[in-house]
């Protein structure tokens, strides 16, 4: 227990230092592919969130999911990439091929659907090669390009606000 706390603290410190050198990229093309990082420990309506994204105009086959849960269930779909705390080493690197393959994909939009600072989720967001990252305003402002101030249980409001601003920014 103490070692997990210490590991979390050290990884966050390493991540904080690496965020000092973040370069802001430009993104001008339309959104076609979406990556979704969800902390299912705090939000368990993932399928409803995906359904809202589909209703808003994203094709379901263009949505990929990275699911974090501190204690993973056996009954999760095998097509879902699963993220675990054990995948993170002491040097703030993720050591899992499936997760690294997800993070290496060049998504047009990455939705970080978590509002609690957990080292493994922060590292996953930071390491992602997505062009445009969206998340909650409670997370470090340097990780996301766009932040929405909504309660995570209000996934419909989150998606409505997201697409409202994406239309304003000419991303759709």
C-alpha atoms as a PDB file:
ATOM      1  CA  UNK A   1       0.000   0.000   0.000  1.00  0.00           C
ATOM      2  CA  UNK A   2       2.739   2.446   0.938  1.00  0.00           C
ATOM      3  CA  UNK A   3       4.750   1.489  -2.147  1.00  0.00           C
ATOM      4  CA  UNK A   4       1.735   2.149  -4.382  1.00  0.00           C
ATOM      5  CA  UNK A   5       1.339   5.602  -2.829  1.00  0.00           C
ATOM      6  CA  UNK A   6       5.058   6.303  -3.285  1.00  0.00           C
ATOM      7  CA  UNK A   7       4.970   5.092  -6.895  1.00  0.00           C
ATOM      8  CA  UNK A   8       1.940   7.302  -7.625  1.00  0.00           C
ATOM      9  CA  UNK A   9       3.707  10.311  -6.082  1.00  0.00           C
ATOM     10  CA  UNK A  10       6.967   9.761  -8.004  1.00  0.00           C
ATOM     11  CA  UNK A  11       5.228   9.169 -11.332  1.00  0.00           C
ATOM     12  CA  UNK A  12       3.184  12.359 -10.916  1.00  0.00           C
ATOM     13  CA  UNK A  13       6.379  14.289 -10.143  1.00  0.00           C
ATOM     14  CA  UNK A  14       8.099  12.918 -13.266  1.00  0.00           C
ATOM     15  CA  UNK A  15       5.011  13.736 -15.329  1.00  0.00           C
ATOM     16  CA  UNK A  16       4.834  17.263 -13.916  1.00  0.00           C
ATOM     17  CA  UNK A  17       8.450  17.870 -14.933  1.00  0.00           C
ATOM     18  CA  UNK A  18       7.849  16.514 -18.434  1.00  0.00           C
ATOM     19  CA  UNK A  19       4.806  18.766 -18.886  1.00  0.00           C
ATOM     20  CA  UNK A  20       7.060  21.818 -18.650  1.00  0.00           C
ATOM     21  CA  UNK A  21       8.257  21.107 -22.198  1.00  0.00           C
ATOM     22  CA  UNK A  22       4.895  20.478 -23.871  1.00  0.00           C
ATOM     23  CA  UNK A  23       4.608  21.905 -27.374  1.00  0.00           C
ATOM     24  CA  UNK A  24       1.186  22.929 -28.601  1.00  0.00           C
ATOM     25  CA  UNK A  25       0.469  21.498 -32.036  1.00  0.00           C
ATOM     26  CA  UNK A  26      -1.937  22.783 -34.615  1.00  0.00           C
ATOM     27  CA  UNK A  27      -4.876  20.756 -35.795  1.00  0.00           C
ATOM     28  CA  UNK A  28      -7.006  21.833 -38.718  1.00  0.00           C
ATOM     29  CA  UNK A  29      -8.620  18.730 -40.222  1.00  0.00           C
ATOM     30  CA  UNK A  30     -12.071  17.318 -39.485  1.00  0.00           C
ATOM     31  CA  UNK A  31     -12.580  14.745 -36.741  1.00  0.00           C
ATOM     32  CA  UNK A  32     -13.083  11.200 -37.998  1.00  0.00           C
ATOM     33  CA  UNK A  33     -11.363   8.935 -35.446  1.00  0.00           C
ATOM     34  CA  UNK A  34     -11.913   9.146 -31.697  1.00  0.00           C
ATOM     35  CA  UNK A  35      -9.962   7.576 -28.862  1.00  0.00           C
ATOM     36  CA  UNK A  36     -11.703   7.321 -25.513  1.00  0.00           C
ATOM     37  CA  UNK A  37      -9.894   6.870 -22.181  1.00  0.00           C
ATOM     38  CA  UNK A  38     -12.380   6.049 -19.408  1.00  0.00           C
ATOM     39  CA  UNK A  39     -11.881   5.467 -15.698  1.00  0.00           C
ATOM     40  CA  UNK A  40     -14.615   2.928 -15.079  1.00  0.00           C
ATOM     41  CA  UNK A  41     -14.026   3.059 -11.343  1.00  0.00           C
ATOM     42  CA  UNK A  42     -15.837   6.421 -11.266  1.00  0.00           C
ATOM     43  CA  UNK A  43     -17.942   6.245 -14.426  1.00  0.00           C
ATOM     44  CA  UNK A  44     -19.704   3.021 -15.426  1.00  0.00           C
ATOM     45  CA  UNK A  45     -21.896   4.206 -18.328  1.00  0.00           C
ATOM     46  CA  UNK A  46     -19.246   3.787 -21.010  1.00  0.00           C
ATOM     47  CA  UNK A  47     -21.588   2.220 -23.586  1.00  0.00           C
ATOM     48  CA  UNK A  48     -24.049   5.095 -23.161  1.00  0.00           C
ATOM     49  CA  UNK A  49     -21.217   7.588 -23.687  1.00  0.00           C
ATOM     50  CA  UNK A  50     -20.211   5.799 -26.896  1.00  0.00           C
ATOM     51  CA  UNK A  51     -23.855   5.819 -28.009  1.00  0.00           C
ATOM     52  CA  UNK A  52     -23.987   9.608 -27.489  1.00  0.00           C
ATOM     53  CA  UNK A  53     -20.840  10.031 -29.601  1.00  0.00           C
ATOM     54  CA  UNK A  54     -22.430   7.940 -32.360  1.00  0.00           C
ATOM     55  CA  UNK A  55     -25.622  10.024 -32.203  1.00  0.00           C
ATOM     56  CA  UNK A  56     -23.483  13.159 -32.541  1.00  0.00           C
ATOM     57  CA  UNK A  57     -22.027  11.934 -35.826  1.00  0.00           C
ATOM     58  CA  UNK A  58     -18.978   9.770 -35.096  1.00  0.00           C
ATOM     59  CA  UNK A  59     -19.071   6.332 -36.732  1.00  0.00           C
ATOM     60  CA  UNK A  60     -18.988   3.556 -34.124  1.00  0.00           C
ATOM     61  CA  UNK A  61     -16.196   1.716 -35.930  1.00  0.00           C
ATOM     62  CA  UNK A  62     -14.033   4.872 -35.624  1.00  0.00           C
ATOM     63  CA  UNK A  63     -14.271   4.915 -31.810  1.00  0.00           C
ATOM     64  CA  UNK A  64     -11.665   3.013 -29.807  1.00  0.00           C
ATOM     65  CA  UNK A  65     -11.769   2.543 -26.059  1.00  0.00           C
ATOM     66  CA  UNK A  66      -9.034   2.334 -23.437  1.00  0.00           C
ATOM     67  CA  UNK A  67     -10.643   1.273 -20.176  1.00  0.00           C
ATOM     68  CA  UNK A  68      -9.070   1.697 -16.760  1.00  0.00           C
ATOM     69  CA  UNK A  69     -10.456   0.008 -13.704  1.00  0.00           C
ATOM     70  CA  UNK A  70      -8.488  -0.657 -10.563  1.00  0.00           C
ATOM     71  CA  UNK A  71      -9.967  -4.151 -10.345  1.00  0.00           C
ATOM     72  CA  UNK A  72     -10.837  -5.421 -13.800  1.00  0.00           C
ATOM     73  CA  UNK A  73     -13.876  -7.633 -14.327  1.00  0.00           C
ATOM     74  CA  UNK A  74     -13.572 -10.825 -16.312  1.00  0.00           C
ATOM     75  CA  UNK A  75     -16.767 -10.100 -18.260  1.00  0.00           C
ATOM     76  CA  UNK A  76     -15.433  -7.096 -20.214  1.00  0.00           C
ATOM     77  CA  UNK A  77     -15.445  -7.380 -23.990  1.00  0.00           C
ATOM     78  CA  UNK A  78     -12.203  -8.762 -25.368  1.00  0.00           C
ATOM     79  CA  UNK A  79     -12.016  -5.991 -28.001  1.00  0.00           C
ATOM     80  CA  UNK A  80     -11.592  -3.338 -25.299  1.00  0.00           C
ATOM     81  CA  UNK A  81      -8.016  -2.366 -24.471  1.00  0.00           C
ATOM     82  CA  UNK A  82      -7.585  -2.600 -20.719  1.00  0.00           C
ATOM     83  CA  UNK A  83      -5.305  -0.365 -18.675  1.00  0.00           C
ATOM     84  CA  UNK A  84      -4.122  -1.421 -15.237  1.00  0.00           C
ATOM     85  CA  UNK A  85      -2.010   0.240 -12.579  1.00  0.00           C
ATOM     86  CA  UNK A  86       0.495  -2.605 -12.910  1.00  0.00           C
ATOM     87  CA  UNK A  87       1.195  -1.498 -16.506  1.00  0.00           C
ATOM     88  CA  UNK A  88       2.939   1.618 -15.175  1.00  0.00           C
ATOM     89  CA  UNK A  89       6.542   1.361 -14.041  1.00  0.00           C
ATOM     90  CA  UNK A  90       8.462   3.619 -11.648  1.00  0.00           C
ATOM     91  CA  UNK A  91       9.879   5.676 -14.547  1.00  0.00           C
ATOM     92  CA  UNK A  92       6.409   6.827 -15.695  1.00  0.00           C
ATOM     93  CA  UNK A  93       6.380   4.475 -18.685  1.00  0.00           C
ATOM     94  CA  UNK A  94       3.600   2.126 -19.685  1.00  0.00           C
ATOM     95  CA  UNK A  95       4.835  -1.428 -20.235  1.00  0.00           C
ATOM     96  CA  UNK A  96       1.976  -3.076 -22.120  1.00  0.00           C
ATOM     97  CA  UNK A  97       1.983  -3.629 -25.877  1.00  0.00           C
ATOM     98  CA  UNK A  98      -1.783  -3.307 -26.380  1.00  0.00           C
ATOM     99  CA  UNK A  99      -1.963  -0.059 -24.411  1.00  0.00           C
ATOM    100  CA  UNK A 100       1.102   1.354 -26.195  1.00  0.00           C
ATOM    101  CA  UNK A 101      -0.470   0.456 -29.554  1.00  0.00           C
ATOM    102  CA  UNK A 102      -3.604   2.392 -28.541  1.00  0.00           C
ATOM    103  CA  UNK A 103      -1.519   5.393 -27.456  1.00  0.00           C
ATOM    104  CA  UNK A 104       0.530   5.341 -30.667  1.00  0.00           C
ATOM    105  CA  UNK A 105      -2.557   5.696 -32.869  1.00  0.00           C
ATOM    106  CA  UNK A 106      -2.987   9.102 -34.449  1.00  0.00           C
ATOM    107  CA  UNK A 107      -6.547   9.852 -33.328  1.00  0.00           C
ATOM    108  CA  UNK A 108      -8.186  13.053 -34.501  1.00  0.00           C
ATOM    109  CA  UNK A 109      -9.794  13.423 -31.063  1.00  0.00           C
ATOM    110  CA  UNK A 110      -8.900  11.907 -27.696  1.00  0.00           C
ATOM    111  CA  UNK A 111     -11.592  12.135 -25.018  1.00  0.00           C
ATOM    112  CA  UNK A 112     -10.148  11.766 -21.523  1.00  0.00           C
ATOM    113  CA  UNK A 113     -13.223  10.805 -19.527  1.00  0.00           C
ATOM    114  CA  UNK A 114     -11.853  10.909 -15.991  1.00  0.00           C
ATOM    115  CA  UNK A 115     -11.782  13.662 -13.403  1.00  0.00           C
ATOM    116  CA  UNK A 116      -9.517  12.197 -10.712  1.00  0.00           C
ATOM    117  CA  UNK A 117      -5.722  12.479 -10.956  1.00  0.00           C
ATOM    118  CA  UNK A 118      -4.407   8.938 -11.247  1.00  0.00           C
ATOM    119  CA  UNK A 119      -0.856   8.542 -12.421  1.00  0.00           C
ATOM    120  CA  UNK A 120      -1.555   5.787 -14.949  1.00  0.00           C
ATOM    121  CA  UNK A 121      -4.339   7.811 -16.622  1.00  0.00           C
ATOM    122  CA  UNK A 122      -2.260  11.002 -16.697  1.00  0.00           C
ATOM    123  CA  UNK A 123       0.668   9.169 -18.293  1.00  0.00           C
ATOM    124  CA  UNK A 124      -1.644   7.561 -20.861  1.00  0.00           C
ATOM    125  CA  UNK A 125      -3.045  10.968 -21.813  1.00  0.00           C
ATOM    126  CA  UNK A 126       0.401  12.526 -22.001  1.00  0.00           C
ATOM    127  CA  UNK A 127       1.844   9.700 -24.109  1.00  0.00           C
ATOM    128  CA  UNK A 128      -1.038   9.645 -26.585  1.00  0.00           C
ATOM    129  CA  UNK A 129      -0.267  10.799 -30.129  1.00  0.00           C
ATOM    130  CA  UNK A 130      -3.786  12.208 -30.628  1.00  0.00           C
ATOM    131  CA  UNK A 131      -4.041  15.521 -32.454  1.00  0.00           C
ATOM    132  CA  UNK A 132      -6.694  17.122 -30.214  1.00  0.00           C
ATOM    133  CA  UNK A 133      -7.269  16.144 -26.564  1.00  0.00           C
ATOM    134  CA  UNK A 134     -10.407  16.930 -24.575  1.00  0.00           C
ATOM    135  CA  UNK A 135     -11.014  16.337 -20.888  1.00  0.00           C
ATOM    136  CA  UNK A 136     -12.405  17.665 -17.655  1.00  0.00           C
ATOM    137  CA  UNK A 137     -11.296  20.952 -16.131  1.00  0.00           C
ATOM    138  CA  UNK A 138     -10.255  19.246 -12.872  1.00  0.00           C
ATOM    139  CA  UNK A 139      -7.252  17.626 -14.582  1.00  0.00           C
ATOM    140  CA  UNK A 140      -3.933  19.417 -15.263  1.00  0.00           C
ATOM    141  CA  UNK A 141      -4.562  22.069 -17.922  1.00  0.00           C
ATOM    142  CA  UNK A 142      -1.397  21.183 -19.844  1.00  0.00           C
ATOM    143  CA  UNK A 143      -2.605  17.656 -20.700  1.00  0.00           C
ATOM    144  CA  UNK A 144      -5.675  18.650 -22.742  1.00  0.00           C
ATOM    145  CA  UNK A 145      -6.209  21.129 -25.549  1.00  0.00           C
ATOM    146  CA  UNK A 146      -9.786  21.738 -24.452  1.00  0.00           C
ATOM    147  CA  UNK A 147     -11.434  21.351 -21.046  1.00  0.00           C
ATOM    148  CA  UNK A 148     -15.110  21.053 -20.154  1.00  0.00           C
ATOM    149  CA  UNK A 149     -16.417  21.866 -16.675  1.00  0.00           C
ATOM    150  CA  UNK A 150     -19.165  19.259 -16.163  1.00  0.00           C
ATOM    151  CA  UNK A 151     -19.869  16.488 -13.678  1.00  0.00           C
ATOM    152  CA  UNK A 152     -18.758  13.146 -15.229  1.00  0.00           C
ATOM    153  CA  UNK A 153     -22.166  11.592 -14.576  1.00  0.00           C
ATOM    154  CA  UNK A 154     -23.671  14.112 -17.041  1.00  0.00           C
ATOM    155  CA  UNK A 155     -22.225  12.409 -20.109  1.00  0.00           C
ATOM    156  CA  UNK A 156     -24.989  13.779 -22.362  1.00  0.00           C
ATOM    157  CA  UNK A 157     -24.156  17.357 -21.382  1.00  0.00           C
ATOM    158  CA  UNK A 158     -20.448  16.618 -21.856  1.00  0.00           C
ATOM    159  CA  UNK A 159     -20.998  15.342 -25.410  1.00  0.00           C
ATOM    160  CA  UNK A 160     -23.357  18.227 -26.262  1.00  0.00           C
ATOM    161  CA  UNK A 161     -20.828  20.811 -25.053  1.00  0.00           C
ATOM    162  CA  UNK A 162     -17.987  19.006 -26.810  1.00  0.00           C
ATOM    163  CA  UNK A 163     -19.733  18.989 -30.176  1.00  0.00           C
ATOM    164  CA  UNK A 164     -21.010  22.530 -29.727  1.00  0.00           C
ATOM    165  CA  UNK A 165     -17.454  23.803 -29.367  1.00  0.00           C
ATOM    166  CA  UNK A 166     -16.070  21.487 -32.048  1.00  0.00           C
ATOM    167  CA  UNK A 167     -18.546  23.065 -34.481  1.00  0.00           C
ATOM    168  CA  UNK A 168     -17.424  26.542 -33.405  1.00  0.00           C
ATOM    169  CA  UNK A 169     -13.794  25.529 -33.944  1.00  0.00           C
ATOM    170  CA  UNK A 170     -14.666  24.020 -37.378  1.00  0.00           C
ATOM    171  CA  UNK A 171     -13.478  20.553 -36.351  1.00  0.00           C
ATOM    172  CA  UNK A 172     -16.646  18.815 -37.557  1.00  0.00           C
END
